Amino acid sequence: MNYVMANLATVTLSDAAAHFGYEVNYFSRLCHQLFQKPFSEEVRFVRMNQGKKAAGTVESKH
């Protein structure tokens, strides 16, 4: 996830797969198993949360 965070503005499934040395289809299935959603949805989720943090609207989980 560090790679995704460091490249959040431009990260793609292909770029991430290449970075970790995986074939794109395998990496896609692996991400789906890990996140329970497609890679693109996970990236969108992270981007939305980063935007909320920047705007100061993330609710703290206490």
Protein backbone atom coordinates (compact mmCIF):
# COMPACT_ATOMS: atom_id res chain seq x y z
CA MET A 1 0.00 0.00 0.00
CA ASN A 2 2.99 2.31 0.46
CA TYR A 3 3.57 2.30 -3.30
CA VAL A 4 -0.04 3.27 -3.92
CA MET A 5 0.13 6.06 -1.34
CA ALA A 6 3.39 7.39 -2.78
CA ASN A 7 1.96 7.40 -6.32
CA LEU A 8 -1.68 8.10 -5.54
CA ALA A 9 -2.19 10.75 -8.20
CA THR A 10 -1.07 8.56 -11.09
CA VAL A 11 -1.02 4.92 -9.95
CA THR A 12 -2.51 2.33 -12.29
CA LEU A 13 -2.99 -1.40 -11.96
CA SER A 14 -0.32 -1.96 -14.62
CA ASP A 15 2.19 0.30 -12.87
CA ALA A 16 1.62 -1.33 -9.49
CA ALA A 17 1.85 -4.85 -10.94
CA ALA A 18 5.13 -3.97 -12.68
CA HIS A 19 6.50 -2.37 -9.52
CA PHE A 20 5.91 -5.57 -7.54
CA GLY A 21 6.98 -7.87 -10.37
CA TYR A 22 3.59 -9.46 -11.05
CA GLU A 23 1.63 -10.09 -14.22
CA VAL A 24 -1.30 -7.66 -14.42
CA ASN A 25 -4.08 -10.28 -14.31
CA TYR A 26 -2.51 -12.08 -11.35
CA PHE A 27 -1.99 -8.81 -9.48
CA SER A 28 -5.60 -7.84 -10.14
CA ARG A 29 -6.87 -11.11 -8.65
CA LEU A 30 -4.48 -10.79 -5.71
CA CYS A 31 -5.69 -7.27 -4.93
CA HIS A 32 -9.31 -8.38 -5.17
CA GLN A 33 -8.62 -11.14 -2.64
CA LEU A 34 -6.83 -8.75 -0.28
CA PHE A 35 -9.20 -5.78 -0.48
CA GLN A 36 -12.46 -7.58 -1.31
CA LYS A 37 -12.88 -5.13 -4.19
CA PRO A 38 -11.11 -4.30 -7.45
CA PHE A 39 -7.81 -2.39 -7.37
CA SER A 40 -9.43 0.66 -8.96
CA GLU A 41 -12.06 0.82 -6.21
CA GLU A 42 -9.41 0.55 -3.51
CA VAL A 43 -7.42 3.38 -5.11
CA ARG A 44 -10.59 5.47 -5.37
CA PHE A 45 -11.35 4.75 -1.69
CA VAL A 46 -7.84 5.83 -0.64
CA ARG A 47 -8.06 8.98 -2.77
CA MET A 48 -11.41 9.90 -1.25
CA ASN A 49 -10.06 9.42 2.27
CA GLN A 50 -7.00 11.51 1.50
CA GLY A 51 -9.28 14.25 0.19
CA LYS A 52 -11.41 14.07 3.32
CA LYS A 53 -8.31 14.27 5.51
CA ALA A 54 -7.11 17.29 3.58
CA ALA A 55 -10.50 18.92 4.04
CA GLY A 56 -10.57 17.95 7.72
CA THR A 57 -13.78 15.96 7.44
CA VAL A 58 -12.68 12.45 8.43
CA GLU A 59 -14.45 11.21 11.52
CA SER A 60 -12.09 9.78 14.11
CA LYS A 61 -12.74 6.20 15.16
CA HIS A 62 -12.49 6.16 18.96
